[in-house]
N, C-alpha and C. Protein backbone atom coordinates (compact mmCIF):
# COMPACT_ATOMS: atom_id res chain seq x y z
N UNK A 1 -28.21 -32.13 -29.09
CA UNK A 1 -28.07 -30.65 -28.89
C UNK A 1 -27.26 -30.43 -27.65
N UNK A 2 -26.28 -29.58 -27.83
CA UNK A 2 -25.42 -29.27 -26.56
C UNK A 2 -26.00 -28.20 -25.71
N UNK A 3 -25.98 -28.29 -24.45
CA UNK A 3 -26.52 -27.29 -23.61
C UNK A 3 -25.33 -26.69 -22.81
N UNK A 4 -25.23 -25.30 -23.03
CA UNK A 4 -24.17 -24.58 -22.26
C UNK A 4 -24.81 -23.75 -21.24
N UNK A 5 -24.44 -23.90 -20.05
CA UNK A 5 -25.13 -23.07 -18.95
C UNK A 5 -24.68 -21.65 -19.07
N UNK A 6 -25.55 -20.85 -18.69
CA UNK A 6 -25.37 -19.35 -18.83
C UNK A 6 -24.36 -18.97 -17.69
N UNK A 7 -23.35 -18.18 -18.18
CA UNK A 7 -22.34 -17.79 -17.20
C UNK A 7 -22.99 -16.83 -16.25
N UNK A 8 -22.56 -16.81 -14.92
CA UNK A 8 -23.09 -15.90 -14.07
C UNK A 8 -22.55 -14.48 -14.40
N UNK A 9 -23.34 -13.44 -14.04
CA UNK A 9 -22.87 -12.10 -14.32
C UNK A 9 -21.71 -11.80 -13.49
N UNK A 10 -20.71 -11.02 -14.04
CA UNK A 10 -19.57 -10.66 -13.35
C UNK A 10 -19.90 -9.66 -12.26
N UNK A 11 -19.36 -9.74 -11.13
CA UNK A 11 -19.69 -8.77 -10.07
C UNK A 11 -19.17 -7.44 -10.43
N UNK A 12 -19.72 -6.47 -9.77
CA UNK A 12 -19.23 -5.06 -10.05
C UNK A 12 -17.79 -4.87 -9.36
N UNK A 13 -16.92 -4.20 -10.10
CA UNK A 13 -15.56 -4.04 -9.51
C UNK A 13 -15.61 -3.30 -8.11
N UNK A 14 -16.71 -2.55 -7.87
CA UNK A 14 -16.80 -1.89 -6.58
C UNK A 14 -17.07 -2.86 -5.44
N UNK A 15 -17.60 -4.04 -5.87
CA UNK A 15 -17.75 -5.10 -4.77
C UNK A 15 -16.53 -5.83 -4.38
N UNK A 16 -15.50 -5.82 -5.33
CA UNK A 16 -14.26 -6.54 -5.10
C UNK A 16 -13.19 -5.57 -4.47
N UNK A 17 -13.26 -4.39 -4.74
CA UNK A 17 -12.27 -3.37 -4.31
C UNK A 17 -12.95 -2.09 -3.74
N UNK A 18 -12.47 -1.63 -2.65
CA UNK A 18 -12.85 -0.39 -2.04
C UNK A 18 -11.75 0.58 -2.02
N UNK A 19 -11.96 1.71 -2.55
CA UNK A 19 -10.87 2.73 -2.54
C UNK A 19 -11.48 4.01 -1.92
N UNK A 20 -10.77 4.57 -0.90
CA UNK A 20 -11.26 5.81 -0.25
C UNK A 20 -10.09 6.69 -0.07
N UNK A 21 -10.23 7.99 -0.29
CA UNK A 21 -9.16 8.96 -0.02
C UNK A 21 -9.58 9.79 1.16
N UNK A 22 -8.68 9.82 2.13
CA UNK A 22 -8.93 10.69 3.32
C UNK A 22 -7.69 11.64 3.52
N UNK A 23 -7.98 12.73 4.11
CA UNK A 23 -6.78 13.69 4.32
C UNK A 23 -5.80 13.06 5.32
N UNK A 24 -4.60 13.22 5.12
CA UNK A 24 -3.52 12.78 5.90
C UNK A 24 -3.28 13.64 7.17
N UNK A 25 -2.43 13.24 8.08
CA UNK A 25 -2.29 13.98 9.26
C UNK A 25 -1.38 15.25 9.11
N UNK A 26 -0.52 15.11 8.07
CA UNK A 26 0.38 16.27 7.72
C UNK A 26 -0.24 17.11 6.65
N UNK A 27 0.12 18.44 6.65
CA UNK A 27 -0.39 19.26 5.52
C UNK A 27 0.10 18.86 4.18
N UNK A 28 -0.83 18.82 3.26
CA UNK A 28 -0.44 18.40 1.88
C UNK A 28 -0.40 16.93 1.68
N UNK A 29 -0.82 16.12 2.66
CA UNK A 29 -0.82 14.63 2.56
C UNK A 29 -2.18 14.15 2.40
N UNK A 30 -2.37 13.13 1.61
CA UNK A 30 -3.53 12.41 1.32
C UNK A 30 -3.33 10.94 1.42
N UNK A 31 -4.17 10.17 2.13
CA UNK A 31 -4.04 8.76 2.31
C UNK A 31 -5.13 8.13 1.49
N UNK A 32 -4.70 7.17 0.68
CA UNK A 32 -5.63 6.38 -0.23
C UNK A 32 -5.75 5.01 0.46
N UNK A 33 -6.84 4.73 1.01
CA UNK A 33 -7.00 3.44 1.63
C UNK A 33 -7.64 2.39 0.67
N UNK A 34 -6.96 1.33 0.52
CA UNK A 34 -7.34 0.36 -0.50
C UNK A 34 -7.74 -0.95 0.23
N UNK A 35 -8.90 -1.56 -0.11
CA UNK A 35 -9.35 -2.84 0.57
C UNK A 35 -9.91 -3.64 -0.54
N UNK A 36 -9.43 -4.98 -0.49
CA UNK A 36 -9.83 -5.97 -1.46
C UNK A 36 -8.80 -6.45 -2.34
N UNK A 37 -9.25 -6.83 -3.61
CA UNK A 37 -8.30 -7.39 -4.61
C UNK A 37 -7.94 -6.37 -5.66
N UNK A 38 -6.71 -6.14 -6.00
CA UNK A 38 -6.34 -5.25 -7.04
C UNK A 38 -5.86 -6.03 -8.23
N UNK A 39 -6.63 -6.35 -9.13
CA UNK A 39 -6.23 -7.07 -10.46
C UNK A 39 -6.67 -6.33 -11.62
N UNK A 40 -6.56 -6.94 -12.77
CA UNK A 40 -6.88 -6.29 -14.05
C UNK A 40 -8.31 -5.85 -14.04
N UNK A 41 -9.18 -6.34 -13.35
CA UNK A 41 -10.62 -6.04 -13.42
C UNK A 41 -10.90 -4.83 -12.53
N UNK A 42 -10.20 -4.72 -11.39
CA UNK A 42 -10.47 -3.73 -10.37
C UNK A 42 -9.50 -2.62 -10.43
N UNK A 43 -8.32 -2.71 -11.10
CA UNK A 43 -7.31 -1.74 -11.08
C UNK A 43 -7.66 -0.33 -11.62
N UNK A 44 -8.66 -0.22 -12.60
CA UNK A 44 -9.14 1.05 -13.06
C UNK A 44 -9.80 1.88 -11.89
N UNK A 45 -10.37 1.27 -11.04
CA UNK A 45 -10.90 2.02 -9.87
C UNK A 45 -9.86 2.71 -9.03
N UNK A 46 -8.75 1.98 -8.79
CA UNK A 46 -7.61 2.55 -8.05
C UNK A 46 -6.88 3.61 -8.88
N UNK A 47 -6.88 3.39 -10.20
CA UNK A 47 -6.20 4.39 -11.08
C UNK A 47 -6.95 5.68 -11.05
N UNK A 48 -8.31 5.61 -11.13
CA UNK A 48 -9.11 6.89 -11.16
C UNK A 48 -8.85 7.64 -9.81
N UNK A 49 -8.89 6.93 -8.67
CA UNK A 49 -8.65 7.62 -7.36
C UNK A 49 -7.24 8.27 -7.24
N UNK A 50 -6.24 7.43 -7.61
CA UNK A 50 -4.91 8.02 -7.51
C UNK A 50 -4.66 9.13 -8.43
N UNK A 51 -5.19 9.05 -9.71
CA UNK A 51 -5.10 10.17 -10.65
C UNK A 51 -5.72 11.40 -10.20
N UNK A 52 -6.97 11.32 -9.52
CA UNK A 52 -7.56 12.55 -9.06
C UNK A 52 -6.85 13.11 -7.84
N UNK A 53 -6.30 12.30 -7.01
CA UNK A 53 -5.58 12.81 -5.90
C UNK A 53 -4.18 13.50 -6.21
N UNK A 54 -3.55 12.89 -7.32
CA UNK A 54 -2.31 13.47 -7.81
C UNK A 54 -2.53 14.82 -8.40
N UNK A 55 -3.71 15.05 -8.98
CA UNK A 55 -4.06 16.25 -9.67
C UNK A 55 -4.54 17.48 -8.67
N UNK A 56 -4.81 17.13 -7.46
CA UNK A 56 -5.35 18.03 -6.60
C UNK A 56 -4.24 19.12 -6.24
N UNK A 57 -4.64 20.36 -6.08
CA UNK A 57 -3.77 21.42 -5.69
C UNK A 57 -3.31 21.33 -4.33
N UNK A 58 -2.02 21.56 -4.11
CA UNK A 58 -1.51 21.49 -2.69
C UNK A 58 -1.13 20.14 -2.17
N UNK A 59 -1.31 19.05 -2.94
CA UNK A 59 -0.95 17.71 -2.50
C UNK A 59 0.50 17.53 -2.68
N UNK A 60 1.31 17.29 -1.67
CA UNK A 60 2.72 17.01 -1.71
C UNK A 60 3.07 15.55 -1.53
N UNK A 61 2.10 14.77 -0.98
CA UNK A 61 2.39 13.41 -0.66
C UNK A 61 1.13 12.55 -0.79
N UNK A 62 1.18 11.50 -1.56
CA UNK A 62 0.05 10.62 -1.72
C UNK A 62 0.55 9.24 -1.04
N UNK A 63 -0.16 8.88 -0.04
CA UNK A 63 0.14 7.73 0.75
C UNK A 63 -0.90 6.64 0.35
N UNK A 64 -0.41 5.43 -0.19
CA UNK A 64 -1.30 4.42 -0.61
C UNK A 64 -1.26 3.32 0.45
N UNK A 65 -2.29 3.08 1.20
CA UNK A 65 -2.36 2.11 2.23
C UNK A 65 -2.84 0.71 1.66
N UNK A 66 -1.91 -0.17 1.53
CA UNK A 66 -2.22 -1.48 0.94
C UNK A 66 -2.38 -2.54 2.02
N UNK A 67 -2.53 -2.11 3.32
CA UNK A 67 -2.53 -3.07 4.38
C UNK A 67 -3.73 -4.03 4.42
N UNK A 68 -4.81 -3.61 3.76
CA UNK A 68 -6.00 -4.47 3.70
C UNK A 68 -6.28 -5.08 2.24
N UNK A 69 -5.20 -5.03 1.42
CA UNK A 69 -5.23 -5.65 0.18
C UNK A 69 -5.06 -7.14 0.23
N UNK A 70 -5.98 -7.96 -0.27
CA UNK A 70 -5.78 -9.46 -0.21
C UNK A 70 -5.00 -9.98 -1.44
N UNK A 71 -5.02 -9.27 -2.58
CA UNK A 71 -4.30 -9.68 -3.74
C UNK A 71 -3.85 -8.45 -4.55
N UNK A 72 -2.61 -8.46 -4.93
CA UNK A 72 -2.00 -7.32 -5.70
C UNK A 72 -1.45 -7.92 -6.94
N UNK A 73 -2.13 -7.73 -8.05
CA UNK A 73 -1.63 -8.33 -9.36
C UNK A 73 -0.86 -7.29 -10.11
N UNK A 74 -0.33 -7.74 -11.35
CA UNK A 74 0.52 -6.92 -12.17
C UNK A 74 -0.19 -5.61 -12.60
N UNK A 75 -1.46 -5.73 -12.79
CA UNK A 75 -2.29 -4.44 -13.19
C UNK A 75 -2.19 -3.48 -12.05
N UNK A 76 -2.19 -3.97 -10.77
CA UNK A 76 -2.19 -3.00 -9.67
C UNK A 76 -0.80 -2.41 -9.52
N UNK A 77 0.18 -3.15 -9.75
CA UNK A 77 1.64 -2.55 -9.73
C UNK A 77 1.75 -1.57 -10.86
N UNK A 78 1.20 -1.82 -12.04
CA UNK A 78 1.24 -0.89 -13.09
C UNK A 78 0.52 0.38 -12.80
N UNK A 79 -0.60 0.34 -12.13
CA UNK A 79 -1.33 1.60 -11.68
C UNK A 79 -0.50 2.30 -10.67
N UNK A 80 0.16 1.63 -9.76
CA UNK A 80 1.11 2.38 -8.80
C UNK A 80 2.24 3.05 -9.48
N UNK A 81 2.75 2.39 -10.57
CA UNK A 81 3.89 2.94 -11.25
C UNK A 81 3.40 4.19 -12.01
N UNK A 82 2.25 4.10 -12.54
CA UNK A 82 1.71 5.32 -13.30
C UNK A 82 1.46 6.45 -12.36
N UNK A 83 0.98 6.08 -11.11
CA UNK A 83 0.72 7.15 -10.10
C UNK A 83 2.04 7.75 -9.59
N UNK A 84 3.04 6.91 -9.53
CA UNK A 84 4.38 7.41 -9.18
C UNK A 84 4.85 8.44 -10.10
N UNK A 85 4.69 8.08 -11.39
CA UNK A 85 5.13 9.01 -12.51
C UNK A 85 4.28 10.36 -12.45
N UNK A 86 3.02 10.20 -12.29
CA UNK A 86 2.19 11.40 -12.20
C UNK A 86 2.52 12.27 -11.03
N UNK A 87 2.68 11.59 -9.80
CA UNK A 87 3.05 12.48 -8.72
C UNK A 87 4.42 13.06 -8.89
N UNK A 88 5.34 12.42 -9.50
CA UNK A 88 6.64 13.08 -9.71
C UNK A 88 6.51 14.23 -10.72
N UNK A 89 5.73 14.12 -11.69
CA UNK A 89 5.54 15.30 -12.65
C UNK A 89 4.93 16.50 -11.95
N UNK A 90 4.14 16.30 -10.83
CA UNK A 90 3.56 17.40 -10.19
C UNK A 90 4.31 17.77 -8.89
N UNK A 91 5.46 17.20 -8.68
CA UNK A 91 6.28 17.51 -7.55
C UNK A 91 5.83 16.89 -6.28
N UNK A 92 5.03 15.88 -6.32
CA UNK A 92 4.55 15.20 -5.10
C UNK A 92 5.32 13.93 -5.02
N UNK A 93 5.10 13.23 -3.88
CA UNK A 93 5.74 11.94 -3.50
C UNK A 93 4.76 10.91 -3.24
N UNK A 94 4.96 9.70 -3.80
CA UNK A 94 4.13 8.59 -3.55
C UNK A 94 4.79 7.70 -2.54
N UNK A 95 4.08 7.29 -1.48
CA UNK A 95 4.54 6.39 -0.50
C UNK A 95 3.54 5.21 -0.41
N UNK A 96 4.10 4.00 -0.30
CA UNK A 96 3.20 2.91 -0.26
C UNK A 96 3.37 2.15 1.03
N UNK A 97 2.30 2.05 1.78
CA UNK A 97 2.32 1.26 3.06
C UNK A 97 1.74 -0.10 2.81
N UNK A 98 2.50 -1.12 3.00
CA UNK A 98 1.99 -2.43 2.88
C UNK A 98 1.51 -3.11 4.07
N UNK A 99 1.73 -2.50 5.27
CA UNK A 99 1.30 -3.17 6.49
C UNK A 99 2.13 -4.39 6.67
N UNK A 100 1.40 -5.42 7.29
CA UNK A 100 2.08 -6.62 7.50
C UNK A 100 1.75 -7.65 6.49
N UNK A 101 1.19 -7.14 5.32
CA UNK A 101 0.86 -8.08 4.19
C UNK A 101 2.16 -8.32 3.41
N UNK A 102 2.83 -9.47 3.59
CA UNK A 102 3.95 -9.83 2.93
C UNK A 102 3.72 -10.08 1.42
N UNK A 103 2.55 -10.42 1.08
CA UNK A 103 2.26 -10.68 -0.31
C UNK A 103 2.30 -9.35 -1.18
N UNK A 104 1.72 -8.37 -0.59
CA UNK A 104 1.82 -7.05 -1.38
C UNK A 104 3.28 -6.56 -1.47
N UNK A 105 3.95 -6.63 -0.37
CA UNK A 105 5.34 -6.27 -0.40
C UNK A 105 6.17 -7.09 -1.34
N UNK A 106 5.97 -8.42 -1.35
CA UNK A 106 6.68 -9.26 -2.19
C UNK A 106 6.43 -9.01 -3.72
N UNK A 107 5.22 -8.70 -3.98
CA UNK A 107 4.83 -8.32 -5.46
C UNK A 107 5.52 -7.09 -5.83
N UNK A 108 5.66 -6.09 -4.94
CA UNK A 108 6.37 -4.88 -5.29
C UNK A 108 7.88 -5.07 -5.40
N UNK A 109 8.42 -6.04 -4.62
CA UNK A 109 9.87 -6.22 -4.65
C UNK A 109 10.18 -7.04 -5.90
N UNK A 110 9.39 -8.07 -6.34
CA UNK A 110 9.58 -8.90 -7.48
C UNK A 110 9.54 -8.10 -8.75
N UNK A 111 8.73 -7.03 -8.82
CA UNK A 111 8.68 -6.27 -10.03
C UNK A 111 9.66 -5.18 -10.10
N UNK A 112 10.33 -4.87 -9.02
CA UNK A 112 11.40 -3.83 -8.98
C UNK A 112 10.84 -2.45 -8.52
N UNK A 113 9.45 -2.41 -8.36
CA UNK A 113 8.89 -1.18 -7.98
C UNK A 113 9.22 -0.71 -6.65
N UNK A 114 9.68 -1.68 -5.77
CA UNK A 114 10.12 -1.22 -4.33
C UNK A 114 11.33 -0.48 -4.47
N UNK A 115 12.18 -0.59 -5.50
CA UNK A 115 13.36 0.25 -5.60
C UNK A 115 13.04 1.69 -6.05
N UNK A 116 11.94 1.90 -6.66
CA UNK A 116 11.59 3.29 -7.11
C UNK A 116 10.82 4.24 -6.07
N UNK A 117 10.07 3.58 -5.24
CA UNK A 117 9.13 4.23 -4.42
C UNK A 117 9.49 4.01 -2.93
N UNK A 118 9.08 4.90 -2.05
CA UNK A 118 9.26 4.66 -0.75
C UNK A 118 8.24 3.66 -0.23
N UNK A 119 8.70 2.54 0.32
CA UNK A 119 7.80 1.52 0.74
C UNK A 119 7.98 1.29 2.23
N UNK A 120 6.89 1.35 2.97
CA UNK A 120 6.93 1.27 4.34
C UNK A 120 6.12 -0.01 4.78
N UNK A 121 6.84 -1.08 5.28
CA UNK A 121 6.08 -2.35 5.56
C UNK A 121 5.37 -2.31 6.95
N UNK A 122 5.41 -1.14 7.57
CA UNK A 122 4.80 -1.06 8.90
C UNK A 122 3.35 -0.50 8.69
N UNK A 123 2.67 -0.37 9.79
CA UNK A 123 1.32 0.23 9.76
C UNK A 123 1.50 1.75 9.55
N UNK A 124 0.47 2.58 9.57
CA UNK A 124 0.47 3.98 9.30
C UNK A 124 1.07 4.77 10.39
N UNK A 125 1.77 4.21 11.30
CA UNK A 125 2.39 4.97 12.36
C UNK A 125 3.35 6.01 11.92
N UNK A 126 4.22 5.75 10.92
CA UNK A 126 5.06 6.90 10.36
C UNK A 126 4.35 8.10 9.82
N UNK A 127 3.11 7.89 9.37
CA UNK A 127 2.33 8.97 8.89
C UNK A 127 2.00 9.97 10.04
N UNK A 128 1.83 9.43 11.20
CA UNK A 128 1.46 10.28 12.36
C UNK A 128 2.71 11.02 12.85
N UNK A 129 3.79 10.28 13.03
CA UNK A 129 5.10 10.89 13.63
C UNK A 129 5.94 11.53 12.67
N UNK A 130 5.78 11.30 11.40
CA UNK A 130 6.71 11.85 10.40
C UNK A 130 7.66 10.83 9.93
N UNK A 131 8.26 11.03 8.79
CA UNK A 131 9.23 10.09 8.19
C UNK A 131 10.57 9.95 9.05
N UNK A 132 11.06 8.80 9.01
CA UNK A 132 12.42 8.59 9.76
C UNK A 132 13.56 9.09 8.80
N UNK A 133 14.42 9.75 9.36
CA UNK A 133 15.55 10.33 8.67
C UNK A 133 16.88 9.89 9.31
N UNK A 134 17.99 10.13 8.71
CA UNK A 134 19.28 9.82 9.32
C UNK A 134 19.36 10.58 10.69
N UNK A 135 18.79 11.74 10.70
CA UNK A 135 18.84 12.59 11.96
C UNK A 135 17.99 11.97 13.08
N UNK A 136 16.99 11.19 12.66
CA UNK A 136 16.06 10.54 13.60
C UNK A 136 15.93 9.10 13.23
N UNK A 137 16.91 8.28 13.63
CA UNK A 137 16.80 6.79 13.18
C UNK A 137 15.83 6.16 14.09
N UNK A 138 15.40 5.00 13.62
CA UNK A 138 14.48 4.17 14.32
C UNK A 138 15.20 3.68 15.57
N UNK A 139 14.51 3.75 16.70
CA UNK A 139 15.10 3.29 17.95
C UNK A 139 15.32 1.78 17.97
N UNK A 140 16.35 1.38 18.56
CA UNK A 140 16.66 -0.08 18.70
C UNK A 140 15.89 -0.62 19.83
N UNK A 141 15.40 -1.87 19.54
CA UNK A 141 14.60 -2.52 20.64
C UNK A 141 15.65 -3.00 21.83
N UNK A 142 15.14 -2.90 23.02
CA UNK A 142 15.95 -3.22 24.16
C UNK A 142 16.15 -4.73 24.17
N UNK A 143 17.38 -5.16 24.44
CA UNK A 143 17.59 -6.57 24.51
C UNK A 143 17.60 -6.98 25.93
N UNK A 144 16.75 -7.72 26.38
CA UNK A 144 16.75 -8.23 27.72
C UNK A 144 17.09 -9.70 27.75
N UNK A 145 17.95 -10.07 28.67
CA UNK A 145 18.36 -11.57 28.69
C UNK A 145 17.18 -12.31 28.99
N UNK A 146 17.12 -13.55 28.34
CA UNK A 146 16.08 -14.48 28.71
C UNK A 146 16.61 -15.28 29.90
N UNK A 147 15.75 -15.26 30.91
CA UNK A 147 16.07 -15.97 32.19
C UNK A 147 15.21 -17.24 32.18
N UNK A 148 15.97 -18.39 32.29
CA UNK A 148 15.33 -19.65 32.38
C UNK A 148 15.48 -20.20 33.71
N UNK A 149 14.48 -20.85 34.23
CA UNK A 149 14.64 -21.47 35.57
C UNK A 149 15.70 -22.57 35.55
N UNK A 150 16.37 -22.63 36.70
CA UNK A 150 17.55 -23.73 36.74
C UNK A 150 16.85 -25.06 37.08
N UNK A 151 17.36 -25.94 36.50
CA UNK A 151 16.95 -27.35 36.73
C UNK A 151 17.85 -28.00 37.84
N UNK A 152 17.33 -28.70 38.66
CA UNK A 152 18.10 -29.42 39.67
C UNK A 152 18.64 -30.74 38.98
N UNK A 153 19.91 -30.95 39.14
CA UNK A 153 20.48 -32.21 38.60
C UNK A 153 20.25 -33.31 39.56
N UNK A 154 19.98 -34.44 38.97
CA UNK A 154 19.76 -35.61 39.74
C UNK A 154 20.92 -36.57 39.75
């Protein structure tokens, strides 16, 4: 007789992914903070939150903060693409902040989604100061020469 061990119960998607919507610093802006793994199992949680934020009256910009996402799968990119379409239908804009997570940014670039949406690989600093435009370009860092101590020749 063959004995098959019972499979452990799957964790609740809410344990793997945390999604919270907070008001942005600008009028008509909402920030959706995402923490954890966005895969086929947890993507519906993100979809519900983004859908409800895109439907709210007066929302002109939905900012998705992926800086605390540890994994972004194809299902997560699909949810972001659907949110981009929904926001466009309502006259809103979708902005994705990847923070310093190169994996999230790379997943968006490989799928071509980065060409459709405003992607900001920095922290949420632009949310506070407003978007950069051609009239207000990013300041260049100062270049200071590297001074090395001179070695005495022997």
